[in-house]
Protein backbone atom coordinates (compact mmCIF):
# COMPACT_ATOMS: atom_id res chain seq x y z
CA MET A 1 83.94 -44.66 -51.94
CA PRO A 2 85.12 -47.95 -50.53
CA VAL A 3 87.61 -47.72 -47.88
CA PHE A 4 90.50 -49.63 -49.24
CA PRO A 5 90.73 -46.84 -52.17
CA GLN A 6 90.58 -44.12 -49.73
CA SER A 7 93.60 -45.51 -48.04
CA LEU A 8 95.46 -46.20 -51.28
CA MET A 9 94.99 -42.57 -51.98
CA ALA A 10 96.36 -41.37 -48.41
CA ALA A 11 99.11 -43.57 -48.90
CA TRP A 12 99.86 -42.01 -52.33
CA PHE A 13 99.57 -38.59 -50.84
CA LEU A 14 102.10 -39.52 -48.06
CA LEU A 15 104.74 -40.84 -50.76
CA ALA A 16 104.12 -37.74 -52.47
CA GLN A 17 105.05 -35.45 -49.34
CA ALA A 18 107.88 -37.62 -48.54
CA VAL A 19 109.56 -37.89 -51.78
CA PRO A 20 110.64 -34.62 -53.32
CA LEU A 21 109.73 -33.79 -56.87
CA GLU A 22 113.27 -33.13 -58.16
CA SER A 23 114.19 -37.16 -56.88
CA ALA A 24 110.70 -38.42 -58.73
CA THR A 25 112.53 -39.22 -61.89
CA SER A 26 115.33 -41.24 -59.76
CA LEU A 27 112.57 -43.70 -58.06
CA PRO A 28 113.75 -47.20 -58.50
CA PHE A 29 110.16 -48.16 -60.03
CA SER A 30 107.89 -46.89 -62.82
CA PRO A 31 105.11 -45.05 -61.97
CA LEU A 32 103.10 -46.98 -64.56
CA LYS A 33 103.92 -50.43 -63.01
CA LEU A 34 102.52 -48.76 -59.44
CA ILE A 35 99.55 -47.88 -61.24
CA LEU A 36 98.83 -51.15 -62.52
CA LEU A 37 99.46 -52.67 -59.59
CA VAL A 38 97.15 -50.34 -57.60
CA GLY A 39 94.51 -51.41 -60.40
CA TRP A 40 95.13 -54.69 -60.31
CA ALA A 41 94.74 -55.00 -56.47
CA CYS A 42 91.46 -53.24 -56.83
CA PHE A 43 90.47 -55.69 -59.23
CA CYS A 44 91.18 -58.51 -57.09
CA LEU A 45 89.39 -57.01 -54.15
CA TYR A 46 86.18 -56.24 -56.57
CA LEU A 47 85.99 -59.76 -57.68
CA THR A 48 86.68 -61.67 -54.27
CA PRO A 49 83.12 -60.95 -52.68
CA ARG A 50 81.49 -61.77 -56.05
CA LEU A 51 82.98 -65.47 -56.20
CA LYS A 52 80.18 -66.52 -53.61
CA ASP A 53 77.61 -68.60 -55.07
CA ASN A 54 79.66 -68.79 -58.51
CA PRO A 55 78.08 -71.34 -60.84
CA LEU A 56 81.93 -72.70 -61.25
CA VAL A 57 82.74 -72.63 -57.73
CA PRO A 58 82.62 -75.81 -55.43
CA SER A 59 80.67 -74.74 -52.13
CA GLU A 60 82.98 -76.62 -49.94
CA TYR A 61 86.28 -74.68 -51.39
CA GLU A 62 84.68 -71.13 -51.64
CA SER A 63 86.70 -69.56 -48.84
CA LEU A 64 89.83 -71.14 -50.34
CA PHE A 65 89.18 -69.64 -53.91
CA GLN A 66 88.11 -66.27 -52.61
CA VAL A 67 91.59 -66.17 -50.65
CA ALA A 68 93.38 -67.15 -54.12
CA THR A 69 91.22 -64.43 -55.63
CA LEU A 70 92.79 -61.53 -53.41
CA LEU A 71 96.16 -62.40 -55.26
CA GLY A 72 95.24 -64.10 -58.70
CA GLY A 73 91.95 -62.46 -59.37
CA PRO A 74 90.71 -62.81 -62.99
CA LEU A 75 93.40 -65.48 -63.48
CA VAL A 76 91.60 -67.76 -60.92
CA ILE A 77 88.06 -67.31 -62.86
CA LEU A 78 89.99 -68.15 -66.02
CA VAL A 79 91.29 -71.50 -64.55
CA LEU A 80 87.90 -72.41 -63.02
CA VAL A 81 86.25 -71.94 -66.46
CA LEU A 82 89.28 -74.05 -68.19
CA THR A 83 88.72 -76.74 -65.54
CA ASP A 84 84.97 -76.61 -65.24
CA THR A 85 84.51 -77.85 -61.49
CA ARG A 86 80.78 -78.08 -61.74
CA ALA A 87 79.42 -81.22 -63.28
CA SER A 88 76.14 -79.46 -64.51
CA ALA A 89 78.28 -77.19 -66.96
CA ARG A 90 80.15 -80.31 -68.66
CA ASP A 91 78.15 -80.08 -71.99
CA LYS A 92 78.56 -76.22 -72.22
CA SER A 93 81.08 -74.67 -74.83
CA PHE A 94 83.90 -72.47 -73.16
CA TRP A 95 82.47 -69.52 -74.17
CA ASP A 96 79.29 -70.37 -72.50
CA ARG A 97 81.04 -71.44 -68.98
CA LEU A 98 83.17 -67.86 -69.23
CA LYS A 99 79.92 -65.99 -69.69
CA ASP A 100 78.12 -67.94 -66.65
CA ALA A 101 81.21 -66.68 -64.62
CA MET A 102 81.17 -63.21 -65.65
CA LEU A 103 77.44 -62.89 -64.63
CA GLY A 104 78.39 -64.75 -61.53
CA THR A 105 80.72 -61.77 -60.62
CA MET A 106 77.69 -59.46 -61.82
CA GLY A 107 75.22 -60.86 -59.50
CA VAL A 108 73.20 -62.89 -61.99
CA LYS A 109 73.22 -66.49 -60.92
CA PRO A 110 72.68 -68.84 -63.68
CA MET A 111 70.29 -71.49 -62.81
CA PRO A 112 71.91 -74.84 -61.99
CA VAL A 113 70.49 -77.56 -64.41
CA GLU A 114 69.71 -81.03 -63.34
CA GLU A 115 68.36 -84.03 -64.98
CA SER A 116 64.46 -84.26 -64.37
CA GLY A 117 62.14 -87.10 -65.32
CA LEU A 118 59.74 -84.33 -66.72
CA GLN A 119 59.05 -84.84 -70.54
CA LEU A 120 56.82 -81.96 -72.71
CA PHE A 121 55.05 -82.81 -75.37
CA ASP A 122 53.34 -80.79 -78.28
CA ALA A 123 49.50 -81.05 -79.33
CA ASN A 124 50.52 -84.09 -81.43
CA GLY A 125 52.43 -86.10 -78.56
CA ALA A 126 56.01 -85.40 -80.24
CA GLU A 127 58.55 -84.94 -77.23
CA LEU A 128 60.40 -81.55 -76.97
CA SER A 129 63.93 -83.07 -77.27
CA ARG A 130 62.88 -84.50 -80.85
CA LEU A 131 61.36 -81.13 -81.85
CA TYR A 132 64.37 -79.15 -80.81
CA GLY A 133 67.29 -79.61 -83.48
CA HIS A 134 65.03 -82.45 -85.23
CA GLY A 135 66.38 -85.13 -82.41
CA GLU A 136 70.08 -84.11 -82.96
CA ALA A 137 70.48 -81.78 -80.05
CA GLY A 138 74.01 -80.84 -79.30
CA PRO A 139 75.72 -80.03 -75.83
CA GLY A 140 74.47 -76.38 -75.79
CA ASP A 141 70.95 -77.32 -76.99
CA ARG A 142 70.92 -80.19 -74.15
CA HIS A 143 71.41 -77.51 -71.49
CA VAL A 144 68.48 -75.37 -73.05
CA LEU A 145 66.27 -78.22 -72.94
CA ALA A 146 67.30 -79.30 -69.40
CA MET A 147 66.62 -75.99 -68.28
CA THR A 148 63.43 -75.23 -69.91
CA VAL A 149 62.19 -78.52 -68.20
CA GLN A 150 63.74 -77.48 -65.08
CA ILE A 151 61.61 -73.90 -64.69
CA ILE A 152 58.37 -75.50 -65.83
CA GLU A 153 59.09 -78.56 -62.95
CA GLU A 154 60.05 -75.86 -60.43
CA ALA A 155 56.76 -73.78 -61.25
CA VAL A 156 54.22 -76.61 -60.83
CA ARG A 157 55.97 -77.74 -57.60
CA GLN A 158 55.46 -74.43 -56.30
CA ARG A 159 51.76 -74.75 -56.97
CA ALA A 160 52.04 -71.59 -59.50
CA SER A 161 49.16 -70.63 -61.84
CA ASP A 162 51.47 -68.66 -64.35
CA ILE A 163 55.07 -68.50 -65.60
CA LEU A 164 55.89 -65.09 -66.81
CA ILE A 165 59.21 -64.76 -68.88
CA ASP A 166 59.73 -61.14 -69.44
CA PRO A 167 62.97 -58.88 -71.02
CA LYS A 168 64.10 -56.58 -68.03
CA ASP A 169 66.92 -54.93 -70.74
CA HIS A 170 69.26 -55.80 -73.64
CA THR A 171 71.29 -58.24 -71.41
CA SER A 172 68.70 -60.33 -69.20
CA TYR A 173 65.10 -61.69 -68.63
CA ALA A 174 63.14 -62.22 -65.42
CA VAL A 175 61.57 -65.64 -64.99
CA ARG A 176 58.77 -65.04 -62.54
CA LEU A 177 56.07 -67.17 -61.00
CA ARG A 178 52.36 -66.25 -59.98
CA VAL A 179 52.01 -68.18 -56.81
CA ASP A 180 48.70 -67.62 -54.63
CA GLY A 181 47.78 -64.56 -56.74
CA ALA A 182 51.25 -63.19 -56.25
CA LEU A 183 54.45 -62.75 -58.64
CA ARG A 184 57.85 -64.05 -57.28
CA THR A 185 60.95 -63.79 -59.09
CA LEU A 186 62.43 -67.27 -59.79
CA ARG A 187 65.50 -66.48 -61.82
CA ILE A 188 67.21 -63.78 -64.10
CA LEU A 189 68.90 -65.22 -66.74
CA PRO A 190 71.16 -63.98 -69.47
CA ALA A 191 69.20 -62.64 -72.67
CA ALA A 192 70.68 -65.36 -74.99
CA THR A 193 70.10 -68.39 -72.53
CA SER A 194 66.65 -66.63 -72.07
CA ARG A 195 65.73 -66.60 -75.98
CA ALA A 196 66.81 -70.21 -76.49
CA VAL A 197 64.35 -71.22 -73.52
CA LEU A 198 61.49 -69.27 -75.07
CA ASN A 199 62.26 -71.03 -78.43
CA SER A 200 61.85 -74.29 -76.67
CA VAL A 201 58.60 -73.60 -75.36
CA LYS A 202 57.44 -72.11 -78.57
CA ALA A 203 58.59 -75.10 -80.35
CA VAL A 204 56.63 -77.58 -78.35
CA SER A 205 53.84 -75.29 -78.40
CA SER A 206 53.58 -75.48 -82.04
CA MET A 207 54.16 -71.83 -82.56
CA ASP A 208 56.39 -69.95 -84.98
CA LEU A 209 59.69 -69.52 -84.16
CA ALA A 210 60.76 -66.74 -86.50
CA GLU A 211 58.09 -64.40 -85.58
CA ARG A 212 58.83 -62.52 -82.42
CA ARG A 213 56.29 -59.81 -82.70
CA ARG A 214 53.00 -60.68 -83.90
CA PRO A 215 50.94 -62.23 -81.00
CA GLN A 216 51.01 -66.17 -80.71
CA ASP A 217 48.79 -68.92 -78.88
CA GLY A 218 50.15 -72.43 -78.33
CA ALA A 219 49.59 -75.45 -75.86
CA PHE A 220 51.67 -78.45 -74.78
CA THR A 221 51.50 -81.06 -71.58
CA ALA A 222 54.02 -82.25 -69.18
CA ARG A 223 54.30 -85.58 -67.97
CA LYS A 224 56.01 -87.44 -65.08
CA GLY A 225 55.30 -90.92 -64.44
CA ASP A 226 51.42 -91.17 -64.34
CA THR A 227 51.06 -87.36 -63.79
CA SER A 228 50.23 -85.00 -66.68
CA VAL A 229 49.70 -81.23 -66.52
CA SER A 230 48.50 -78.99 -69.52
CA PHE A 231 49.80 -75.41 -70.43
CA ARG A 232 48.59 -72.57 -72.38
CA VAL A 233 51.02 -70.31 -74.06
CA ALA A 234 50.79 -66.57 -75.15
CA SER A 235 53.70 -64.70 -76.68
CA SER A 236 53.81 -61.09 -77.79
CA GLY A 237 56.85 -58.64 -78.91
CA ALA A 238 58.05 -56.40 -76.01
CA LEU A 239 60.61 -53.91 -75.42
CA ASN A 240 64.03 -55.36 -75.50
CA GLY A 241 62.61 -58.51 -76.53
CA GLU A 242 59.73 -61.17 -76.83
CA LYS A 243 57.57 -61.59 -73.77
CA LEU A 244 55.99 -65.19 -73.06
CA SER A 245 53.36 -66.18 -70.38
CA ILE A 246 52.56 -69.66 -69.61
CA ARG A 247 49.34 -70.64 -68.10
CA ILE A 248 49.43 -73.71 -65.93
CA LEU A 249 46.04 -75.67 -66.01
CA ASN A 250 44.68 -76.94 -62.66
CA GLN A 251 44.50 -80.30 -63.20
CA ASN A 252 43.00 -80.86 -59.40
CA ALA A 253 39.90 -78.78 -60.23
CA GLY A 254 38.06 -81.70 -61.27
CA ARG A 255 38.04 -83.20 -57.74
CA PHE A 256 37.06 -80.11 -55.85
CA THR A 257 33.99 -79.90 -53.73
CA LEU A 258 32.40 -76.43 -52.51
CA ALA A 259 33.93 -77.06 -49.04
CA ASP A 260 37.42 -77.35 -50.77
CA VAL A 261 36.92 -73.81 -52.52
CA GLY A 262 36.35 -72.67 -48.94
CA ILE A 263 32.51 -71.51 -49.09
CA PRO A 264 30.93 -71.77 -45.56
CA GLU A 265 28.18 -74.28 -44.77
CA GLN A 266 25.32 -71.66 -44.86
CA GLN A 267 26.41 -70.39 -48.27
CA ARG A 268 26.64 -74.06 -49.78
CA SER A 269 23.14 -74.88 -48.67
CA ILE A 270 22.12 -71.93 -50.93
CA ILE A 271 23.97 -72.91 -53.87
CA LEU A 272 23.00 -76.64 -53.51
CA GLY A 273 19.25 -75.51 -53.61
CA ALA A 274 19.70 -73.88 -56.80
CA LEU A 275 21.66 -76.83 -58.15
CA GLY A 276 18.70 -79.06 -57.29
CA LYS A 277 16.44 -77.49 -59.21
CA PRO A 278 15.41 -78.57 -62.60
CA PHE A 279 15.99 -75.43 -64.50
CA GLY A 280 17.54 -71.69 -63.98
CA MET A 281 20.91 -70.15 -64.31
CA VAL A 282 23.43 -70.03 -61.74
CA LEU A 283 25.89 -67.32 -62.76
CA VAL A 284 29.56 -66.98 -61.00
CA CYS A 285 30.96 -63.55 -61.41
CA GLY A 286 34.34 -61.97 -60.57
CA PRO A 287 37.44 -60.77 -62.15
CA THR A 288 40.28 -62.75 -64.02
CA GLY A 289 41.95 -64.85 -61.53
CA SER A 290 39.02 -65.21 -58.93
CA GLY A 291 38.97 -68.62 -59.04
CA LYS A 292 35.52 -68.84 -60.94
CA THR A 293 36.39 -71.93 -62.98
CA THR A 294 37.26 -74.13 -60.01
CA THR A 295 33.80 -73.00 -58.44
CA LEU A 296 31.95 -74.01 -61.61
CA TYR A 297 33.78 -77.54 -61.35
CA SER A 298 32.59 -77.90 -57.87
CA MET A 299 29.06 -77.09 -58.30
CA LEU A 300 29.41 -79.84 -61.19
CA ASN A 301 31.17 -82.36 -59.01
CA ALA A 302 27.77 -81.54 -56.57
CA ILE A 303 25.51 -82.60 -59.00
CA ASP A 304 24.81 -86.59 -59.96
CA ARG A 305 26.27 -87.08 -63.38
CA GLN A 306 24.96 -90.35 -63.63
CA THR A 307 21.20 -89.36 -63.66
CA ARG A 308 21.73 -86.09 -65.60
CA ASN A 309 23.07 -85.42 -68.97
CA VAL A 310 26.07 -82.86 -68.40
CA ILE A 311 27.51 -80.87 -71.27
CA SER A 312 30.12 -78.19 -70.88
CA VAL A 313 31.68 -75.70 -73.16
CA GLU A 314 34.71 -74.21 -72.30
CA ASP A 315 37.97 -72.44 -73.19
CA PRO A 316 39.97 -74.26 -72.53
CA ILE A 317 39.13 -77.41 -70.70
CA GLU A 318 41.24 -77.07 -67.49
CA ALA A 319 40.37 -80.83 -66.06
CA HIS A 320 38.40 -83.66 -67.49
CA LEU A 321 35.37 -84.31 -65.33
CA PRO A 322 33.68 -88.24 -65.71
CA ASN A 323 30.49 -88.40 -67.40
CA VAL A 324 30.28 -85.03 -68.72
CA SER A 325 30.66 -84.17 -72.22
CA GLN A 326 33.00 -81.31 -72.57
CA ILE A 327 33.41 -79.36 -75.73
CA GLU A 328 36.44 -77.41 -76.15
CA ILE A 329 36.25 -73.86 -78.10
CA ASN A 330 38.50 -73.41 -81.09
CA ALA A 331 37.93 -70.49 -83.00
CA LYS A 332 39.98 -71.37 -86.08
CA ALA A 333 37.84 -74.26 -86.60
CA LYS A 334 34.62 -71.93 -86.13
CA ILE A 335 33.65 -73.85 -82.84
CA THR A 336 32.46 -70.72 -80.67
CA PHE A 337 30.26 -70.86 -77.44
CA ALA A 338 27.22 -69.50 -79.42
CA SER A 339 27.51 -72.29 -82.27
CA SER A 340 28.16 -74.72 -79.30
CA LEU A 341 25.19 -73.97 -77.21
CA ARG A 342 22.89 -74.07 -80.34
CA SER A 343 24.18 -77.66 -80.82
CA ILE A 344 23.81 -78.91 -77.49
CA LEU A 345 20.24 -77.58 -77.06
CA ARG A 346 19.63 -80.44 -79.71
CA GLN A 347 21.53 -83.19 -77.42
CA ASP A 348 18.89 -83.55 -74.63
CA PRO A 349 20.99 -81.99 -72.05
CA ASP A 350 20.00 -81.62 -68.54
CA VAL A 351 22.68 -79.39 -67.15
CA ILE A 352 24.53 -76.94 -69.48
CA CYS A 353 28.13 -75.54 -68.18
CA VAL A 354 29.07 -72.35 -70.23
CA GLY A 355 32.41 -71.45 -69.60
CA GLU A 356 32.53 -67.83 -69.93
CA ILE A 357 29.42 -65.61 -71.51
CA ARG A 358 31.34 -62.99 -73.51
CA ASP A 359 28.99 -61.58 -76.14
CA GLU A 360 25.30 -60.90 -77.14
CA GLU A 361 24.35 -64.40 -78.83
CA THR A 362 25.81 -66.67 -75.95
CA ALA A 363 24.16 -64.55 -73.27
CA GLU A 364 20.94 -64.96 -74.96
CA ILE A 365 21.12 -68.67 -75.82
CA ALA A 366 22.30 -69.10 -72.19
CA VAL A 367 19.35 -67.43 -70.29
CA ARG A 368 16.86 -68.74 -72.82
CA ALA A 369 18.21 -72.52 -72.27
CA ALA A 370 17.89 -71.78 -68.31
CA GLN A 371 14.25 -70.58 -68.88
CA THR A 372 13.17 -73.69 -71.13
CA GLY A 373 13.66 -76.41 -68.84
CA HIS A 374 17.65 -76.55 -68.53
CA LEU A 375 19.87 -75.85 -65.52
CA VAL A 376 22.76 -73.63 -66.69
CA LEU A 377 25.97 -72.96 -65.02
CA ALA A 378 28.02 -70.17 -66.28
CA THR A 379 30.65 -67.50 -65.49
CA MET A 380 30.93 -63.93 -66.42
CA HIS A 381 33.90 -61.19 -65.92
CA CYS A 382 32.42 -58.28 -63.60
CA ASP A 383 33.03 -56.91 -60.19
CA SER A 384 29.66 -57.54 -58.52
CA ASN A 385 26.26 -58.96 -58.51
CA PRO A 386 24.48 -55.89 -59.71
CA THR A 387 27.07 -55.39 -62.41
CA ALA A 388 26.32 -58.77 -63.63
CA LEU A 389 22.55 -57.95 -64.04
CA ILE A 390 23.71 -54.66 -65.90
CA ARG A 391 25.97 -56.38 -68.07
CA LEU A 392 23.55 -58.85 -69.05
CA LEU A 393 20.65 -56.12 -69.80
CA ASP A 394 24.00 -54.20 -71.93
CA LEU A 395 24.29 -57.44 -74.09
CA GLY A 396 20.93 -57.39 -75.13
CA VAL A 397 18.86 -59.85 -72.75
CA SER A 398 15.31 -58.43 -72.43
CA PRO A 399 14.31 -57.85 -68.72
CA MET A 400 11.64 -60.17 -68.78
CA LEU A 401 13.56 -63.15 -70.13
CA LEU A 402 16.28 -62.46 -67.57
CA SER A 403 13.66 -61.90 -64.51
CA SER A 404 12.39 -65.84 -65.51
CA GLY A 405 15.84 -67.56 -66.26
CA LEU A 406 18.33 -65.95 -63.34
CA SER A 407 18.11 -68.57 -60.23
CA LEU A 408 21.55 -67.30 -58.47
CA LEU A 409 24.14 -64.95 -58.78
CA MET A 410 27.26 -65.55 -57.08
CA THR A 411 30.39 -63.06 -56.68
CA GLN A 412 33.71 -64.13 -55.62
CA ARG A 413 37.14 -62.98 -54.66
CA LEU A 414 40.33 -65.36 -53.40
CA VAL A 415 42.21 -64.54 -50.20
CA ARG A 416 45.35 -66.03 -49.19
CA LYS A 417 45.79 -68.39 -46.28
CA LEU A 418 48.06 -67.58 -43.62
CA CYS A 419 50.67 -70.12 -43.26
CA ARG A 420 50.11 -71.95 -40.16
CA GLN A 421 54.10 -72.81 -39.59
CA CYS A 422 54.91 -69.06 -39.49
CA LYS A 423 51.93 -67.14 -38.81
CA ARG A 424 52.34 -65.00 -35.65
CA PRO A 425 49.91 -62.52 -33.47
CA ALA A 426 48.94 -59.26 -35.32
CA ARG A 427 50.66 -56.29 -34.26
CA LEU A 428 47.77 -53.60 -33.66
CA SER A 429 47.86 -49.99 -32.80
CA PRO A 430 46.15 -49.51 -29.16
CA ALA A 431 43.44 -47.37 -30.67
CA ALA A 432 42.69 -50.43 -33.58
CA ALA A 433 42.73 -52.80 -30.95
CA GLU A 434 40.37 -50.93 -28.42
CA GLY A 435 37.89 -50.49 -31.85
CA PHE A 436 37.84 -54.17 -32.43
CA ARG A 437 37.10 -54.75 -28.62
CA LYS A 438 34.19 -52.44 -28.43
CA ARG A 439 32.83 -54.36 -31.35
CA GLY A 440 33.00 -57.51 -29.37
CA ILE A 441 36.15 -58.94 -31.58
CA ASP A 442 39.12 -60.14 -29.88
CA PRO A 443 42.33 -58.85 -31.45
CA GLY A 444 44.14 -61.70 -29.78
CA ARG A 445 42.74 -64.17 -32.45
CA MET A 446 44.16 -61.93 -35.38
CA PHE A 447 47.52 -62.85 -37.05
CA GLN A 448 49.85 -61.64 -39.69
CA ALA A 449 52.46 -63.09 -42.04
CA ALA A 450 55.84 -63.77 -41.22
CA GLY A 451 57.52 -66.06 -43.69
CA CYS A 452 59.11 -69.25 -43.94
CA ASP A 453 60.79 -71.98 -46.04
CA ALA A 454 57.34 -73.66 -46.54
CA CYS A 455 55.68 -70.49 -47.96
CA GLY A 456 58.44 -69.40 -50.22
CA GLY A 457 58.98 -66.30 -47.39
CA THR A 458 55.65 -65.03 -48.34
CA GLY A 459 53.79 -65.67 -45.23
CA TYR A 460 50.78 -67.29 -47.01
CA LEU A 461 50.37 -71.01 -48.43
CA GLY A 462 46.93 -71.64 -50.30
CA ARG A 463 43.77 -69.55 -51.01
CA LEU A 464 40.22 -69.72 -50.21
CA ALA A 465 36.90 -68.38 -51.85
CA VAL A 466 35.28 -65.24 -50.45
CA CYS A 467 31.61 -64.84 -51.86
CA ASP A 468 28.71 -62.72 -51.87
CA LEU A 469 25.19 -64.66 -53.06
CA LEU A 470 22.27 -63.43 -54.49
CA SER A 471 19.12 -65.37 -54.77
CA VAL A 472 16.56 -63.89 -57.52
CA THR A 473 13.57 -64.03 -55.50
CA ASP A 474 9.97 -63.28 -56.81
CA GLU A 475 10.17 -59.71 -55.53
CA LEU A 476 13.53 -59.35 -57.35
CA ARG A 477 12.20 -61.17 -60.58
CA THR A 478 9.12 -58.57 -60.53
CA GLU A 479 11.77 -55.36 -60.22
CA ILE A 480 13.96 -56.79 -63.06
CA ALA A 481 11.04 -57.15 -65.34
CA ASN A 482 8.77 -54.02 -64.45
CA ASN A 483 11.64 -51.35 -63.44
CA PRO A 484 13.07 -49.48 -66.10
CA GLY A 485 15.40 -47.45 -63.71
CA LEU A 486 16.76 -50.60 -62.19
CA ALA A 487 19.95 -50.07 -63.79
CA ALA A 488 20.65 -46.84 -61.88
CA LYS A 489 19.62 -48.25 -58.49
CA LEU A 490 21.69 -51.33 -58.95
CA ARG A 491 24.68 -49.08 -59.37
CA SER A 492 23.99 -47.40 -55.97
CA GLU A 493 22.39 -49.32 -53.96
CA GLY A 494 23.19 -52.76 -55.25
CA GLU A 495 26.86 -52.33 -55.61
CA LYS A 496 27.14 -50.88 -52.07
CA LYS A 497 25.44 -53.61 -50.81
CA SER A 498 27.41 -56.24 -52.59
CA ARG A 499 30.86 -55.03 -51.34
CA THR A 500 29.49 -54.67 -47.93
CA ASN A 501 28.77 -58.52 -47.87
CA LEU A 502 32.39 -59.37 -49.92
CA LYS A 503 34.00 -57.50 -46.68
CA ASN A 504 31.87 -59.14 -44.01
CA GLU A 505 32.78 -62.75 -45.50
CA ALA A 506 36.39 -61.58 -45.82
CA PHE A 507 36.37 -60.08 -42.28
CA ARG A 508 35.04 -63.43 -40.91
CA LEU A 509 38.42 -65.34 -42.32
CA VAL A 510 40.66 -62.52 -40.59
CA VAL A 511 38.68 -62.94 -36.99
CA ALA A 512 39.15 -66.89 -37.56
CA GLY A 513 42.88 -66.29 -37.91
CA ILE A 514 42.88 -67.79 -41.31
CA THR A 515 44.01 -64.69 -43.21
CA SER A 516 45.42 -61.58 -42.43
CA LEU A 517 44.30 -58.02 -41.95
CA ASP A 518 46.58 -56.94 -44.75
CA GLU A 519 45.09 -59.38 -47.10
CA PHE A 520 41.86 -58.08 -46.28
CA LYS A 521 42.72 -55.07 -47.44
CA ARG A 522 44.48 -55.99 -50.61
CA VAL A 523 41.40 -58.09 -51.36
CA VAL A 524 38.07 -56.17 -50.96
CA GLY A 525 39.92 -52.90 -49.77
């Protein structure tokens, strides 16, 4: 119980002791008025500390308003709502301003909305403000549109890969960003405001605003000056409301090199050797969000596209590559990976890029193309190189075809880099430090995350790829083609070796002071 109510109870007890019961009826004041006075004082004390960072209070007069609230309580907030001292709230109605003030007292801070040069466009090139309210947006609508743009712009500024808008309960939604693979909360918004923001995103993504339960997909583009960023949107019904996920496509992926991805020189030489061959398949493996597509683009950038005909099939196209014929999957138009690959084989390709192998037909066509004189680059969702071989066999690719078509298998993970501005020497236990010294490792070169404004308080800024390469040698080809028990052997020996290689590559970054032991354990265990 707070100290102030305790002191009030003590004062009330002393008063009851000092005044006899028979004289209580002759008190010069009403007990009801005293109770109301005490309740008013408690309410004023409750509101005063919660006036800090309220959207209606100018920061330079915050102390003055807190003193006034000690006496005036909710009357001060009512005056603030009526006068509306924040310029960003002038377009809002009285009830919206009152709601923001009440949310501020409960710790929910509405996002301040500022004008931005960012514009959102749907797939047909129509701007969001024209779609919302058919170009006749009122003051409340303009506030919602500005907030939607601000969320998008803040996500791009923080290098986020995803924006998640999820209902927390019936009264509020959480707006979260995935930055460097980790989620961070951007804002907590009231439910009514969040639903309006969701409708804005759905409108510009050409989605059905009336449908809130059935899953939907859409896309839109953001432009500011000469810069353009593409977004993919997915919505679905959830408990307490509707959930929205916005994927921010990496527009810089088309300019990445293998060195930019973080692949060391020794592994780069192996990859470049496989890319220099006229045929064969290079398969990039890893779970969702491990940077497979970015690595695939880096490989395409290492190929001379002036002298080789390069065609890609992607879902979606994340970055535009010069001198590459890029085909985007469209299930509604019956443009699939398999149908596109059959068409591509009639277009005299030298290099074929497959965004993802998902089914039996795509796997069969891709491996057969690699066997018949084409260089094929592809990705697959799996944990390791042995798992990729097992999955290709499970998809119906014959062992003989697989042994002759595969050239290089590559599994990768992404580890976060320590922020250079705030990283500090790692605090290790004496036993751990001694163990590293016995292995010839200097523990003084290891660092840990701290957190600063530059990295958003996380201690990490940016990511690097950690890879395990498996070159398909003649010995491995023979084993794939002739060993019927290969799958069981790969599940035991191959899986263990692959994980060991990933751990060794990740630990190399720890010893170099690029990442931390905590990040090493999080990514590779």
